[in-house]
Amino acid sequence: MVRTKGARTKLREYFLRNLNRVMGSDELREVAGGTSEWARRVRELRTEEGYQILTHNDRSEMKPGEYLLIDPKPVPAFSRSISKEVRAFVLDRNGFTCQQCGAVAGEPHPYDPSRKARLHIGHIVDKSMGGTDDAANLRALCSVCNEGSKNLTLDRPSAQKLLIQVRRATGSDQLEVLKWLLQKFPNQAQKMLSE
């Protein structure tokens, strides 16, 4: 019996073979075997396996739909610790209905009637932002809404609120913010320094 590789394995191997090369979403979808859930597999590589796959949120010169892996070594990732019982409780509590778009499990999806709605468990406040796996922080989401909701559950703060938070932070945390900004905006930083 020959076992075929799953989409996540194919994507992991492809990223590792193409370090430091920006790849587009169409290319990655093809690598994953054309699956509509390729973006979810990329997210799992980041959140479950710890690969630092960069996007336009991390680098200003990248466009939406572009991905880049620069370090082959994963960092510690969040564990998945939602039990079957908690999953069943959340799905039942939410009436087996997506809490964003109202799609019902097993029925044609309202945004894509060619496929049936599949429900997942999503965090209200993402784990990367301090959220927990408690049922109170979980909700039922269809695969379409879950793919688009990563780290977008909190309102985006204004520049003034961000500056207040940075000013209140420790010196070492402020330096980490500066390092991140310099990595995200290398061209703009160089231009500002030369003025």
C-alpha atoms as a PDB file:
ATOM      1  CA  MET A   1       0.000   0.000   0.000  1.00  0.00           C
ATOM      2  CA  VAL A   2       1.479   3.349  -1.080  1.00  0.00           C
ATOM      3  CA  ARG A   3       0.744   6.321   1.182  1.00  0.00           C
ATOM      4  CA  THR A   4       0.460   9.710  -0.427  1.00  0.00           C
ATOM      5  CA  LYS A   5       1.686  12.837   1.320  1.00  0.00           C
ATOM      6  CA  GLY A   6      -0.843  15.199   2.844  1.00  0.00           C
ATOM      7  CA  ALA A   7      -1.138  18.850   1.840  1.00  0.00           C
ATOM      8  CA  ARG A   8       0.637  20.084   4.970  1.00  0.00           C
ATOM      9  CA  THR A   9       3.614  17.765   4.390  1.00  0.00           C
ATOM     10  CA  LYS A  10       3.860  18.855   0.752  1.00  0.00           C
ATOM     11  CA  LEU A  11       3.760  22.527   1.745  1.00  0.00           C
ATOM     12  CA  ARG A  12       6.345  22.068   4.522  1.00  0.00           C
ATOM     13  CA  GLU A  13       8.768  20.334   2.165  1.00  0.00           C
ATOM     14  CA  TYR A  14       8.181  22.977  -0.528  1.00  0.00           C
ATOM     15  CA  PHE A  15       8.815  25.875   1.856  1.00  0.00           C
ATOM     16  CA  LEU A  16      12.020  24.211   3.098  1.00  0.00           C
ATOM     17  CA  ARG A  17      13.240  23.668  -0.499  1.00  0.00           C
ATOM     18  CA  ASN A  18      12.472  27.303  -1.346  1.00  0.00           C
ATOM     19  CA  LEU A  19      13.932  29.199   1.603  1.00  0.00           C
ATOM     20  CA  ASN A  20      14.196  32.978   1.098  1.00  0.00           C
ATOM     21  CA  ARG A  21      11.955  32.907  -2.010  1.00  0.00           C
ATOM     22  CA  VAL A  22       8.608  34.694  -2.021  1.00  0.00           C
ATOM     23  CA  MET A  23       5.813  32.362  -3.141  1.00  0.00           C
ATOM     24  CA  GLY A  24       2.284  33.257  -4.205  1.00  0.00           C
ATOM     25  CA  SER A  25      -1.016  31.748  -3.158  1.00  0.00           C
ATOM     26  CA  ASP A  26      -1.680  30.151  -6.579  1.00  0.00           C
ATOM     27  CA  GLU A  27       1.691  28.390  -6.441  1.00  0.00           C
ATOM     28  CA  LEU A  28       1.062  27.104  -2.902  1.00  0.00           C
ATOM     29  CA  ARG A  29      -2.478  25.955  -3.749  1.00  0.00           C
ATOM     30  CA  GLU A  30      -1.022  23.881  -6.605  1.00  0.00           C
ATOM     31  CA  VAL A  31       1.694  22.426  -4.343  1.00  0.00           C
ATOM     32  CA  ALA A  32      -0.999  21.425  -1.833  1.00  0.00           C
ATOM     33  CA  GLY A  33      -2.807  19.469  -4.549  1.00  0.00           C
ATOM     34  CA  GLY A  34      -5.387  22.126  -5.378  1.00  0.00           C
ATOM     35  CA  THR A  35      -7.133  21.819  -2.024  1.00  0.00           C
ATOM     36  CA  SER A  36      -9.275  24.779  -1.004  1.00  0.00           C
ATOM     37  CA  GLU A  37      -7.848  24.506   2.514  1.00  0.00           C
ATOM     38  CA  TRP A  38      -4.210  25.161   1.542  1.00  0.00           C
ATOM     39  CA  ALA A  39      -4.179  28.435   3.540  1.00  0.00           C
ATOM     40  CA  ARG A  40      -5.293  26.546   6.635  1.00  0.00           C
ATOM     41  CA  ARG A  41      -2.394  24.094   6.152  1.00  0.00           C
ATOM     42  CA  VAL A  42       0.040  27.049   5.906  1.00  0.00           C
ATOM     43  CA  ARG A  43      -1.438  28.471   9.117  1.00  0.00           C
ATOM     44  CA  GLU A  44      -0.973  25.095  10.810  1.00  0.00           C
ATOM     45  CA  LEU A  45       2.691  25.121   9.771  1.00  0.00           C
ATOM     46  CA  ARG A  46       2.981  28.439  11.605  1.00  0.00           C
ATOM     47  CA  THR A  47       0.823  27.837  14.670  1.00  0.00           C
ATOM     48  CA  GLU A  48       1.244  24.116  15.288  1.00  0.00           C
ATOM     49  CA  GLU A  49       4.725  23.425  13.918  1.00  0.00           C
ATOM     50  CA  GLY A  50       6.270  26.831  14.631  1.00  0.00           C
ATOM     51  CA  TYR A  51       7.591  27.737  11.171  1.00  0.00           C
ATOM     52  CA  GLN A  52       8.029  31.511  10.845  1.00  0.00           C
ATOM     53  CA  ILE A  53       6.298  31.932   7.480  1.00  0.00           C
ATOM     54  CA  LEU A  54       6.166  35.664   6.748  1.00  0.00           C
ATOM     55  CA  THR A  55       3.366  37.557   4.960  1.00  0.00           C
ATOM     56  CA  HIS A  56       2.605  41.179   4.085  1.00  0.00           C
ATOM     57  CA  ASN A  57       1.761  41.655   7.783  1.00  0.00           C
ATOM     58  CA  ASP A  58       5.444  41.046   8.556  1.00  0.00           C
ATOM     59  CA  ARG A  59       7.178  42.708   5.589  1.00  0.00           C
ATOM     60  CA  SER A  60       6.006  45.911   3.927  1.00  0.00           C
ATOM     61  CA  GLU A  61       7.442  44.979   0.520  1.00  0.00           C
ATOM     62  CA  MET A  62       5.336  41.798   0.349  1.00  0.00           C
ATOM     63  CA  LYS A  63       1.860  41.836  -1.159  1.00  0.00           C
ATOM     64  CA  PRO A  64      -1.234  40.090   0.233  1.00  0.00           C
ATOM     65  CA  GLY A  65      -1.149  36.438  -0.861  1.00  0.00           C
ATOM     66  CA  GLU A  66       2.664  36.213  -0.746  1.00  0.00           C
ATOM     67  CA  TYR A  67       4.538  33.953   1.680  1.00  0.00           C
ATOM     68  CA  LEU A  68       8.187  33.641   2.665  1.00  0.00           C
ATOM     69  CA  LEU A  69      10.132  31.249   4.896  1.00  0.00           C
ATOM     70  CA  ILE A  70      13.599  32.538   5.829  1.00  0.00           C
ATOM     71  CA  ASP A  71      14.542  30.193   8.688  1.00  0.00           C
ATOM     72  CA  PRO A  72      14.222  26.397   8.366  1.00  0.00           C
ATOM     73  CA  LYS A  73      14.230  25.952  12.154  1.00  0.00           C
ATOM     74  CA  PRO A  74      10.775  26.119  13.764  1.00  0.00           C
ATOM     75  CA  VAL A  75      10.249  27.948  17.058  1.00  0.00           C
ATOM     76  CA  PRO A  76       8.129  26.520  19.881  1.00  0.00           C
ATOM     77  CA  ALA A  77       4.509  26.504  18.779  1.00  0.00           C
ATOM     78  CA  PHE A  78       1.214  26.547  20.644  1.00  0.00           C
ATOM     79  CA  SER A  79      -0.140  23.139  21.528  1.00  0.00           C
ATOM     80  CA  ARG A  80      -3.623  22.102  20.502  1.00  0.00           C
ATOM     81  CA  SER A  81      -5.309  21.195  23.718  1.00  0.00           C
ATOM     82  CA  ILE A  82      -9.025  21.482  22.994  1.00  0.00           C
ATOM     83  CA  SER A  83     -10.603  18.219  24.096  1.00  0.00           C
ATOM     84  CA  LYS A  84     -13.296  16.377  22.148  1.00  0.00           C
ATOM     85  CA  GLU A  85     -15.724  17.135  24.970  1.00  0.00           C
ATOM     86  CA  VAL A  86     -15.082  20.898  24.792  1.00  0.00           C
ATOM     87  CA  ARG A  87     -15.372  20.826  20.983  1.00  0.00           C
ATOM     88  CA  ALA A  88     -18.718  19.005  21.221  1.00  0.00           C
ATOM     89  CA  PHE A  89     -19.942  21.444  23.904  1.00  0.00           C
ATOM     90  CA  VAL A  90     -19.040  24.532  21.817  1.00  0.00           C
ATOM     91  CA  LEU A  91     -20.624  23.141  18.628  1.00  0.00           C
ATOM     92  CA  ASP A  92     -23.806  22.243  20.530  1.00  0.00           C
ATOM     93  CA  ARG A  93     -23.894  25.594  22.363  1.00  0.00           C
ATOM     94  CA  ASN A  94     -23.567  27.414  19.012  1.00  0.00           C
ATOM     95  CA  GLY A  95     -26.279  25.293  17.387  1.00  0.00           C
ATOM     96  CA  PHE A  96     -23.856  23.758  14.862  1.00  0.00           C
ATOM     97  CA  THR A  97     -23.890  27.158  13.132  1.00  0.00           C
ATOM     98  CA  CYS A  98     -21.016  29.439  12.123  1.00  0.00           C
ATOM     99  CA  GLN A  99     -21.036  32.391  14.496  1.00  0.00           C
ATOM    100  CA  GLN A 100     -19.861  34.809  11.784  1.00  0.00           C
ATOM    101  CA  CYS A 101     -21.834  34.049   8.635  1.00  0.00           C
ATOM    102  CA  GLY A 102     -24.595  31.755   9.895  1.00  0.00           C
ATOM    103  CA  ALA A 103     -23.628  28.726   7.766  1.00  0.00           C
ATOM    104  CA  VAL A 104     -25.083  25.496   9.142  1.00  0.00           C
ATOM    105  CA  ALA A 105     -22.941  22.354   9.256  1.00  0.00           C
ATOM    106  CA  GLY A 106     -23.598  20.057   6.307  1.00  0.00           C
ATOM    107  CA  GLU A 107     -25.731  22.536   4.337  1.00  0.00           C
ATOM    108  CA  PRO A 108     -24.531  24.335   1.190  1.00  0.00           C
ATOM    109  CA  HIS A 109     -22.245  27.206   2.215  1.00  0.00           C
ATOM    110  CA  PRO A 110     -23.890  30.646   1.701  1.00  0.00           C
ATOM    111  CA  TYR A 111     -20.744  32.085   0.037  1.00  0.00           C
ATOM    112  CA  ASP A 112     -19.915  28.982  -1.999  1.00  0.00           C
ATOM    113  CA  PRO A 113     -23.010  26.789  -2.602  1.00  0.00           C
ATOM    114  CA  SER A 114     -20.865  24.240  -4.476  1.00  0.00           C
ATOM    115  CA  ARG A 115     -19.476  22.951  -1.165  1.00  0.00           C
ATOM    116  CA  LYS A 116     -21.057  22.012   2.137  1.00  0.00           C
ATOM    117  CA  ALA A 117     -20.281  24.059   5.241  1.00  0.00           C
ATOM    118  CA  ARG A 118     -17.678  22.464   7.536  1.00  0.00           C
ATOM    119  CA  LEU A 119     -17.445  23.768  11.067  1.00  0.00           C
ATOM    120  CA  HIS A 120     -14.276  24.283  13.080  1.00  0.00           C
ATOM    121  CA  ILE A 121     -13.630  25.594  16.545  1.00  0.00           C
ATOM    122  CA  GLY A 122     -12.115  29.090  16.523  1.00  0.00           C
ATOM    123  CA  HIS A 123     -10.754  31.292  19.279  1.00  0.00           C
ATOM    124  CA  ILE A 124     -12.485  34.588  20.036  1.00  0.00           C
ATOM    125  CA  VAL A 125      -9.175  36.010  21.298  1.00  0.00           C
ATOM    126  CA  ASP A 126      -6.397  34.164  19.455  1.00  0.00           C
ATOM    127  CA  LYS A 127      -3.830  32.206  21.464  1.00  0.00           C
ATOM    128  CA  SER A 128      -1.041  34.367  20.037  1.00  0.00           C
ATOM    129  CA  MET A 129      -2.783  37.332  21.675  1.00  0.00           C
ATOM    130  CA  GLY A 130      -3.179  35.641  25.051  1.00  0.00           C
ATOM    131  CA  GLY A 131      -6.458  33.790  24.466  1.00  0.00           C
ATOM    132  CA  THR A 132      -7.145  30.441  26.106  1.00  0.00           C
ATOM    133  CA  ASP A 133      -8.706  27.129  25.100  1.00  0.00           C
ATOM    134  CA  ASP A 134     -11.575  27.602  27.583  1.00  0.00           C
ATOM    135  CA  ALA A 135     -15.068  27.115  26.135  1.00  0.00           C
ATOM    136  CA  ALA A 136     -15.861  30.768  26.929  1.00  0.00           C
ATOM    137  CA  ASN A 137     -13.137  31.819  24.437  1.00  0.00           C
ATOM    138  CA  LEU A 138     -14.231  29.400  21.691  1.00  0.00           C
ATOM    139  CA  ARG A 139     -16.886  29.558  18.994  1.00  0.00           C
ATOM    140  CA  ALA A 140     -18.044  27.562  15.991  1.00  0.00           C
ATOM    141  CA  LEU A 141     -16.745  28.928  12.681  1.00  0.00           C
ATOM    142  CA  CYS A 142     -17.115  27.563   9.163  1.00  0.00           C
ATOM    143  CA  SER A 143     -13.895  26.884   7.247  1.00  0.00           C
ATOM    144  CA  VAL A 144     -14.373  30.027   5.101  1.00  0.00           C
ATOM    145  CA  CYS A 145     -14.753  32.388   8.075  1.00  0.00           C
ATOM    146  CA  ASN A 146     -12.099  30.584  10.128  1.00  0.00           C
ATOM    147  CA  GLU A 147      -9.503  31.042   7.352  1.00  0.00           C
ATOM    148  CA  GLY A 148     -10.081  34.787   7.354  1.00  0.00           C
ATOM    149  CA  SER A 149     -10.329  35.423  11.082  1.00  0.00           C
ATOM    150  CA  LYS A 150      -6.815  34.639  12.314  1.00  0.00           C
ATOM    151  CA  ASN A 151      -5.666  37.365  14.689  1.00  0.00           C
ATOM    152  CA  LEU A 152      -8.400  39.752  13.534  1.00  0.00           C
ATOM    153  CA  THR A 153     -10.728  39.234  16.460  1.00  0.00           C
ATOM    154  CA  LEU A 154      -9.716  42.369  18.358  1.00  0.00           C
ATOM    155  CA  ASP A 155     -10.305  45.914  17.136  1.00  0.00           C
ATOM    156  CA  ARG A 156      -7.202  47.433  15.596  1.00  0.00           C
ATOM    157  CA  PRO A 157      -5.810  50.124  17.898  1.00  0.00           C
ATOM    158  CA  SER A 158      -5.228  53.678  16.689  1.00  0.00           C
ATOM    159  CA  ALA A 159      -1.693  55.017  16.256  1.00  0.00           C
ATOM    160  CA  GLN A 160      -2.124  57.075  19.415  1.00  0.00           C
ATOM    161  CA  LYS A 161      -3.096  54.021  21.494  1.00  0.00           C
ATOM    162  CA  LEU A 162      -0.180  52.049  20.067  1.00  0.00           C
ATOM    163  CA  LEU A 163       2.274  54.820  20.926  1.00  0.00           C
ATOM    164  CA  ILE A 164       0.903  54.999  24.465  1.00  0.00           C
ATOM    165  CA  GLN A 165       1.440  51.242  24.870  1.00  0.00           C
ATOM    166  CA  VAL A 166       4.972  51.421  23.441  1.00  0.00           C
ATOM    167  CA  ARG A 167       5.851  54.306  25.786  1.00  0.00           C
ATOM    168  CA  ARG A 168       4.583  52.287  28.768  1.00  0.00           C
ATOM    169  CA  ALA A 169       6.614  49.208  27.775  1.00  0.00           C
ATOM    170  CA  THR A 170      10.023  48.367  29.182  1.00  0.00           C
ATOM    171  CA  GLY A 171      13.116  49.501  27.295  1.00  0.00           C
ATOM    172  CA  SER A 172      13.822  45.949  26.106  1.00  0.00           C
ATOM    173  CA  ASP A 173      10.256  45.566  24.802  1.00  0.00           C
ATOM    174  CA  GLN A 174      10.539  48.934  23.030  1.00  0.00           C
ATOM    175  CA  LEU A 175      13.718  47.687  21.343  1.00  0.00           C
ATOM    176  CA  GLU A 176      11.870  44.535  20.209  1.00  0.00           C
ATOM    177  CA  VAL A 177       9.175  46.766  18.643  1.00  0.00           C
ATOM    178  CA  LEU A 178      11.907  48.793  16.910  1.00  0.00           C
ATOM    179  CA  LYS A 179      13.596  45.629  15.575  1.00  0.00           C
ATOM    180  CA  TRP A 180      10.286  44.391  14.208  1.00  0.00           C
ATOM    181  CA  LEU A 181       9.518  47.751  12.556  1.00  0.00           C
ATOM    182  CA  LEU A 182      12.980  47.890  10.964  1.00  0.00           C
ATOM    183  CA  GLN A 183      12.482  44.373   9.573  1.00  0.00           C
ATOM    184  CA  LYS A 184       9.006  45.177   8.277  1.00  0.00           C
ATOM    185  CA  PHE A 185       9.979  48.531   6.727  1.00  0.00           C
ATOM    186  CA  PRO A 186      13.664  48.209   5.713  1.00  0.00           C
ATOM    187  CA  ASN A 187      13.420  50.569   2.710  1.00  0.00           C
ATOM    188  CA  GLN A 188      11.557  53.278   4.602  1.00  0.00           C
ATOM    189  CA  ALA A 189      13.979  53.024   7.566  1.00  0.00           C
ATOM    190  CA  GLN A 190      16.974  53.422   5.255  1.00  0.00           C
ATOM    191  CA  LYS A 191      15.352  56.457   3.614  1.00  0.00           C
ATOM    192  CA  MET A 192      14.589  58.094   6.991  1.00  0.00           C
ATOM    193  CA  LEU A 193      18.157  57.525   8.211  1.00  0.00           C
ATOM    194  CA  SER A 194      19.628  59.119   5.096  1.00  0.00           C
ATOM    195  CA  GLU A 195      17.503  62.298   5.416  1.00  0.00           C
END
